[in-house]
PDB file of N, CA and C in Angstrom:
ATOM      1  N   MET A   1      -8.105 -65.755 120.531  1.00  0.00           N
ATOM      2  CA  MET A   1      -7.178 -66.016 121.613  1.00  0.00           C
ATOM      3  C   MET A   1      -7.921 -65.916 122.941  1.00  0.00           C
ATOM      4  N   LYS A   2      -7.599 -66.818 123.829  1.00  0.00           N
ATOM      5  CA  LYS A   2      -8.208 -66.851 125.151  1.00  0.00           C
ATOM      6  C   LYS A   2      -7.633 -65.722 126.008  1.00  0.00           C
ATOM      7  N   ALA A   3      -8.498 -64.887 126.565  1.00  0.00           N
ATOM      8  CA  ALA A   3      -8.052 -63.800 127.441  1.00  0.00           C
ATOM      9  C   ALA A   3      -7.807 -64.359 128.839  1.00  0.00           C
ATOM     10  N   ILE A   4      -6.683 -63.963 129.452  1.00  0.00           N
ATOM     11  CA  ILE A   4      -6.384 -64.397 130.816  1.00  0.00           C
ATOM     12  C   ILE A   4      -6.101 -63.178 131.683  1.00  0.00           C
ATOM     13  N   SER A   5      -6.207 -63.365 132.973  1.00  0.00           N
ATOM     14  CA  SER A   5      -5.975 -62.256 133.898  1.00  0.00           C
ATOM     15  C   SER A   5      -4.473 -62.079 134.134  1.00  0.00           C
ATOM     16  N   GLY A   6      -4.121 -60.962 134.733  1.00  0.00           N
ATOM     17  CA  GLY A   6      -2.726 -60.711 135.079  1.00  0.00           C
ATOM     18  C   GLY A   6      -2.204 -61.734 136.071  1.00  0.00           C
ATOM     19  N   LYS A   7      -3.059 -62.147 137.020  1.00  0.00           N
ATOM     20  CA  LYS A   7      -2.660 -63.159 138.002  1.00  0.00           C
ATOM     21  C   LYS A   7      -2.306 -64.471 137.314  1.00  0.00           C
ATOM     22  N   ASP A   8      -3.147 -64.875 136.350  1.00  0.00           N
ATOM     23  CA  ASP A   8      -2.888 -66.121 135.625  1.00  0.00           C
ATOM     24  C   ASP A   8      -1.613 -66.028 134.793  1.00  0.00           C
ATOM     25  N   MET A   9      -1.370 -64.854 134.204  1.00  0.00           N
ATOM     26  CA  MET A   9      -0.143 -64.670 133.418  1.00  0.00           C
ATOM     27  C   MET A   9       1.079 -64.786 134.320  1.00  0.00           C
ATOM     28  N   CYS A  10       1.011 -64.237 135.521  1.00  0.00           N
ATOM     29  CA  CYS A  10       2.117 -64.335 136.468  1.00  0.00           C
ATOM     30  C   CYS A  10       2.384 -65.787 136.832  1.00  0.00           C
ATOM     31  N   ARG A  11       1.328 -66.534 137.105  1.00  0.00           N
ATOM     32  CA  ARG A  11       1.489 -67.962 137.425  1.00  0.00           C
ATOM     33  C   ARG A  11       2.143 -68.713 136.275  1.00  0.00           C
ATOM     34  N   LEU A  12       1.717 -68.415 135.056  1.00  0.00           N
ATOM     35  CA  LEU A  12       2.259 -69.075 133.870  1.00  0.00           C
ATOM     36  C   LEU A  12       3.738 -68.743 133.690  1.00  0.00           C
ATOM     37  N   LEU A  13       4.100 -67.481 133.865  1.00  0.00           N
ATOM     38  CA  LEU A  13       5.501 -67.087 133.741  1.00  0.00           C
ATOM     39  C   LEU A  13       6.363 -67.778 134.791  1.00  0.00           C
ATOM     40  N   GLU A  14       5.878 -67.826 136.037  1.00  0.00           N
ATOM     41  CA  GLU A  14       6.649 -68.459 137.103  1.00  0.00           C
ATOM     42  C   GLU A  14       6.827 -69.950 136.848  1.00  0.00           C
ATOM     43  N   LYS A  15       5.805 -70.575 136.264  1.00  0.00           N
ATOM     44  CA  LYS A  15       5.907 -71.997 135.913  1.00  0.00           C
ATOM     45  C   LYS A  15       6.970 -72.231 134.842  1.00  0.00           C
ATOM     46  N   ARG A  16       7.151 -71.231 133.983  1.00  0.00           N
ATOM     47  CA  ARG A  16       8.107 -71.329 132.871  1.00  0.00           C
ATOM     48  C   ARG A  16       9.511 -70.854 133.259  1.00  0.00           C
ATOM     49  N   GLY A  17       9.750 -70.606 134.543  1.00  0.00           N
ATOM     50  CA  GLY A  17      11.091 -70.277 134.999  1.00  0.00           C
ATOM     51  C   GLY A  17      11.404 -68.798 135.139  1.00  0.00           C
ATOM     52  N   TRP A  18      10.416 -67.938 134.974  1.00  0.00           N
ATOM     53  CA  TRP A  18      10.624 -66.507 135.158  1.00  0.00           C
ATOM     54  C   TRP A  18      10.646 -66.193 136.646  1.00  0.00           C
ATOM     55  N   VAL A  19      11.456 -65.216 137.031  1.00  0.00           N
ATOM     56  CA  VAL A  19      11.617 -64.833 138.433  1.00  0.00           C
ATOM     57  C   VAL A  19      11.119 -63.403 138.605  1.00  0.00           C
ATOM     58  N   ARG A  20      10.312 -63.174 139.653  1.00  0.00           N
ATOM     59  CA  ARG A  20       9.806 -61.824 139.907  1.00  0.00           C
ATOM     60  C   ARG A  20      10.921 -60.981 140.501  1.00  0.00           C
ATOM     61  N   LEU A  21      11.217 -59.867 139.837  1.00  0.00           N
ATOM     62  CA  LEU A  21      12.258 -58.944 140.297  1.00  0.00           C
ATOM     63  C   LEU A  21      11.712 -57.973 141.326  1.00  0.00           C
ATOM     64  N   ARG A  22      10.565 -57.372 140.997  1.00  0.00           N
ATOM     65  CA  ARG A  22      10.012 -56.348 141.882  1.00  0.00           C
ATOM     66  C   ARG A  22       8.522 -56.181 141.610  1.00  0.00           C
ATOM     67  N   THR A  23       7.885 -55.515 142.540  1.00  0.00           N
ATOM     68  CA  THR A  23       6.486 -55.153 142.404  1.00  0.00           C
ATOM     69  C   THR A  23       6.385 -53.664 142.677  1.00  0.00           C
ATOM     70  N   ARG A  24       5.768 -52.966 141.776  1.00  0.00           N
ATOM     71  CA  ARG A  24       5.549 -51.530 141.935  1.00  0.00           C
ATOM     72  C   ARG A  24       4.074 -51.268 141.790  1.00  0.00           C
ATOM     73  N   GLY A  25       3.407 -51.106 142.896  1.00  0.00           N
ATOM     74  CA  GLY A  25       1.959 -50.951 142.853  1.00  0.00           C
ATOM     75  C   GLY A  25       1.330 -52.247 142.393  1.00  0.00           C
ATOM     76  N   SER A  26       0.657 -52.207 141.251  1.00  0.00           N
ATOM     77  CA  SER A  26      -0.001 -53.398 140.737  1.00  0.00           C
ATOM     78  C   SER A  26       0.729 -53.978 139.526  1.00  0.00           C
ATOM     79  N   HIS A  27       1.986 -53.580 139.310  1.00  0.00           N
ATOM     80  CA  HIS A  27       2.760 -54.059 138.173  1.00  0.00           C
ATOM     81  C   HIS A  27       3.900 -54.947 138.657  1.00  0.00           C
ATOM     82  N   PHE A  28       3.902 -56.183 138.176  1.00  0.00           N
ATOM     83  CA  PHE A  28       4.905 -57.164 138.561  1.00  0.00           C
ATOM     84  C   PHE A  28       5.913 -57.277 137.425  1.00  0.00           C
ATOM     85  N   THR A  29       7.200 -57.161 137.733  1.00  0.00           N
ATOM     86  CA  THR A  29       8.250 -57.252 136.728  1.00  0.00           C
ATOM     87  C   THR A  29       8.980 -58.577 136.892  1.00  0.00           C
ATOM     88  N   TYR A  30       9.080 -59.307 135.784  1.00  0.00           N
ATOM     89  CA  TYR A  30       9.718 -60.625 135.772  1.00  0.00           C
ATOM     90  C   TYR A  30      10.960 -60.603 134.899  1.00  0.00           C
ATOM     91  N   SER A  31      11.904 -61.493 135.238  1.00  0.00           N
ATOM     92  CA  SER A  31      13.159 -61.572 134.512  1.00  0.00           C
ATOM     93  C   SER A  31      13.507 -63.031 134.246  1.00  0.00           C
ATOM     94  N   LYS A  32      14.195 -63.246 133.128  1.00  0.00           N
ATOM     95  CA  LYS A  32      14.721 -64.567 132.789  1.00  0.00           C
ATOM     96  C   LYS A  32      16.002 -64.335 132.007  1.00  0.00           C
ATOM     97  N   THR A  33      17.021 -65.103 132.297  1.00  0.00           N
ATOM     98  CA  THR A  33      18.324 -64.929 131.677  1.00  0.00           C
ATOM     99  C   THR A  33      18.215 -64.972 130.153  1.00  0.00           C
ATOM    100  N   GLY A  34      18.828 -63.993 129.514  1.00  0.00           N
ATOM    101  CA  GLY A  34      18.881 -63.946 128.058  1.00  0.00           C
ATOM    102  C   GLY A  34      17.669 -63.318 127.392  1.00  0.00           C
ATOM    103  N   LEU A  35      16.672 -62.917 128.169  1.00  0.00           N
ATOM    104  CA  LEU A  35      15.475 -62.300 127.606  1.00  0.00           C
ATOM    105  C   LEU A  35      15.214 -60.964 128.293  1.00  0.00           C
ATOM    106  N   PRO A  36      14.531 -60.045 127.596  1.00  0.00           N
ATOM    107  CA  PRO A  36      14.203 -58.766 128.238  1.00  0.00           C
ATOM    108  C   PRO A  36      13.193 -58.964 129.369  1.00  0.00           C
ATOM    109  N   ASN A  37      13.174 -58.033 130.297  1.00  0.00           N
ATOM    110  CA  ASN A  37      12.213 -58.093 131.402  1.00  0.00           C
ATOM    111  C   ASN A  37      10.789 -57.926 130.882  1.00  0.00           C
ATOM    112  N   VAL A  38       9.846 -58.495 131.619  1.00  0.00           N
ATOM    113  CA  VAL A  38       8.431 -58.419 131.264  1.00  0.00           C
ATOM    114  C   VAL A  38       7.678 -57.834 132.451  1.00  0.00           C
ATOM    115  N   THR A  39       6.828 -56.848 132.208  1.00  0.00           N
ATOM    116  CA  THR A  39       6.006 -56.258 133.257  1.00  0.00           C
ATOM    117  C   THR A  39       4.554 -56.646 133.020  1.00  0.00           C
ATOM    118  N   VAL A  40       3.932 -57.199 134.063  1.00  0.00           N
ATOM    119  CA  VAL A  40       2.549 -57.669 133.974  1.00  0.00           C
ATOM    120  C   VAL A  40       1.684 -56.831 134.911  1.00  0.00           C
ATOM    121  N   PRO A  41       0.660 -56.146 134.377  1.00  0.00           N
ATOM    122  CA  PRO A  41      -0.261 -55.419 135.245  1.00  0.00           C
ATOM    123  C   PRO A  41      -1.252 -56.398 135.875  1.00  0.00           C
ATOM    124  N   VAL A  42      -1.385 -56.347 137.193  1.00  0.00           N
ATOM    125  CA  VAL A  42      -2.310 -57.235 137.899  1.00  0.00           C
ATOM    126  C   VAL A  42      -3.361 -56.360 138.573  1.00  0.00           C
ATOM    127  N   HIS A  43      -4.539 -56.316 137.978  1.00  0.00           N
ATOM    128  CA  HIS A  43      -5.639 -55.508 138.499  1.00  0.00           C
ATOM    129  C   HIS A  43      -6.785 -56.446 138.867  1.00  0.00           C
ATOM    130  N   GLY A  44      -6.668 -57.068 140.024  1.00  0.00           N
ATOM    131  CA  GLY A  44      -7.681 -58.020 140.459  1.00  0.00           C
ATOM    132  C   GLY A  44      -7.745 -59.186 139.496  1.00  0.00           C
ATOM    133  N   ASN A  45      -8.943 -59.552 139.112  1.00  0.00           N
ATOM    134  CA  ASN A  45      -9.120 -60.645 138.156  1.00  0.00           C
ATOM    135  C   ASN A  45      -9.494 -60.136 136.771  1.00  0.00           C
ATOM    136  N   GLN A  46      -9.173 -58.884 136.483  1.00  0.00           N
ATOM    137  CA  GLN A  46      -9.456 -58.328 135.163  1.00  0.00           C
ATOM    138  C   GLN A  46      -8.574 -58.994 134.120  1.00  0.00           C
ATOM    139  N   SER A  47      -9.152 -59.255 132.973  1.00  0.00           N
ATOM    140  CA  SER A  47      -8.384 -59.834 131.868  1.00  0.00           C
ATOM    141  C   SER A  47      -7.418 -58.800 131.318  1.00  0.00           C
ATOM    142  N   LEU A  48      -6.280 -59.282 130.853  1.00  0.00           N
ATOM    143  CA  LEU A  48      -5.326 -58.406 130.187  1.00  0.00           C
ATOM    144  C   LEU A  48      -5.909 -57.983 128.848  1.00  0.00           C
ATOM    145  N   LYS A  49      -5.590 -56.794 128.421  1.00  0.00           N
ATOM    146  CA  LYS A  49      -6.033 -56.356 127.105  1.00  0.00           C
ATOM    147  C   LYS A  49      -5.272 -57.148 126.052  1.00  0.00           C
ATOM    148  N   LYS A  50      -5.885 -57.287 124.901  1.00  0.00           N
ATOM    149  CA  LYS A  50      -5.360 -58.146 123.839  1.00  0.00           C
ATOM    150  C   LYS A  50      -3.918 -57.797 123.442  1.00  0.00           C
ATOM    151  N   GLY A  51      -3.649 -56.519 123.234  1.00  0.00           N
ATOM    152  CA  GLY A  51      -2.311 -56.093 122.827  1.00  0.00           C
ATOM    153  C   GLY A  51      -1.272 -56.337 123.908  1.00  0.00           C
ATOM    154  N   MET A  52      -1.638 -56.087 125.170  1.00  0.00           N
ATOM    155  CA  MET A  52      -0.731 -56.316 126.291  1.00  0.00           C
ATOM    156  C   MET A  52      -0.412 -57.798 126.409  1.00  0.00           C
ATOM    157  N   GLN A  53      -1.446 -58.637 126.313  1.00  0.00           N
ATOM    158  CA  GLN A  53      -1.246 -60.083 126.416  1.00  0.00           C
ATOM    159  C   GLN A  53      -0.359 -60.597 125.283  1.00  0.00           C
ATOM    160  N   ASN A  54      -0.600 -60.122 124.063  1.00  0.00           N
ATOM    161  CA  ASN A  54       0.222 -60.545 122.923  1.00  0.00           C
ATOM    162  C   ASN A  54       1.674 -60.123 123.105  1.00  0.00           C
ATOM    163  N   GLY A  55       1.893 -58.905 123.609  1.00  0.00           N
ATOM    164  CA  GLY A  55       3.250 -58.409 123.820  1.00  0.00           C
ATOM    165  C   GLY A  55       4.009 -59.229 124.850  1.00  0.00           C
ATOM    166  N   ILE A  56       3.350 -59.543 125.953  1.00  0.00           N
ATOM    167  CA  ILE A  56       3.986 -60.338 127.003  1.00  0.00           C
ATOM    168  C   ILE A  56       4.309 -61.730 126.477  1.00  0.00           C
ATOM    169  N   MET A  57       3.364 -62.321 125.753  1.00  0.00           N
ATOM    170  CA  MET A  57       3.572 -63.669 125.229  1.00  0.00           C
ATOM    171  C   MET A  57       4.717 -63.699 124.211  1.00  0.00           C
ATOM    172  N   LYS A  58       4.828 -62.671 123.406  1.00  0.00           N
ATOM    173  CA  LYS A  58       5.885 -62.606 122.395  1.00  0.00           C
ATOM    174  C   LYS A  58       7.260 -62.550 123.053  1.00  0.00           C
ATOM    175  N   VAL A  59       7.426 -61.683 124.045  1.00  0.00           N
ATOM    176  CA  VAL A  59       8.703 -61.538 124.735  1.00  0.00           C
ATOM    177  C   VAL A  59       9.030 -62.822 125.505  1.00  0.00           C
ATOM    178  N   ALA A  60       8.017 -63.420 126.124  1.00  0.00           N
ATOM    179  CA  ALA A  60       8.236 -64.607 126.951  1.00  0.00           C
ATOM    180  C   ALA A  60       8.359 -65.882 126.136  1.00  0.00           C
ATOM    181  N   GLY A  61       8.069 -65.814 124.843  1.00  0.00           N
ATOM    182  CA  GLY A  61       8.159 -66.994 123.999  1.00  0.00           C
ATOM    183  C   GLY A  61       7.028 -67.978 124.235  1.00  0.00           C
ATOM    184  N   LEU A  62       5.858 -67.464 124.590  1.00  0.00           N
ATOM    185  CA  LEU A  62       4.707 -68.315 124.847  1.00  0.00           C
ATOM    186  C   LEU A  62       3.808 -68.355 123.612  1.00  0.00           C
ATOM    187  N   SER A  63       3.126 -69.479 123.429  1.00  0.00           N
ATOM    188  CA  SER A  63       2.170 -69.594 122.329  1.00  0.00           C
ATOM    189  C   SER A  63       0.766 -69.698 122.894  1.00  0.00           C
ATOM    190  N   GLU A  64      -0.203 -69.678 122.018  1.00  0.00           N
ATOM    191  CA  GLU A  64      -1.594 -69.773 122.445  1.00  0.00           C
ATOM    192  C   GLU A  64      -1.861 -71.127 123.103  1.00  0.00           C
ATOM    193  N   ASP A  65      -1.124 -72.157 122.713  1.00  0.00           N
ATOM    194  CA  ASP A  65      -1.293 -73.493 123.293  1.00  0.00           C
ATOM    195  C   ASP A  65      -0.850 -73.519 124.761  1.00  0.00           C
ATOM    196  N   ASP A  66       0.040 -72.616 125.152  1.00  0.00           N
ATOM    197  CA  ASP A  66       0.516 -72.568 126.535  1.00  0.00           C
ATOM    198  C   ASP A  66      -0.549 -72.052 127.493  1.00  0.00           C
ATOM    199  N   LEU A  67      -1.544 -71.354 126.965  1.00  0.00           N
ATOM    200  CA  LEU A  67      -2.595 -70.804 127.805  1.00  0.00           C
ATOM    201  C   LEU A  67      -3.512 -71.928 128.234  1.00  0.00           C
TER     202      LEU A  67
END
């Protein structure tokens, strides 16, 4: 799986219709009707860890092809 940064994940979520609810420090929380909220850690251009990226993608309904 291609590793992406938190910034790139945020851009991808926003493109897919997710709305940013709040920012707490370096954690961005997104919401979409009918789905649980998703929190994305944005630490510069650091790649998301594999488990975190998989978890966000699962909740958001994203596949590896979307990356």
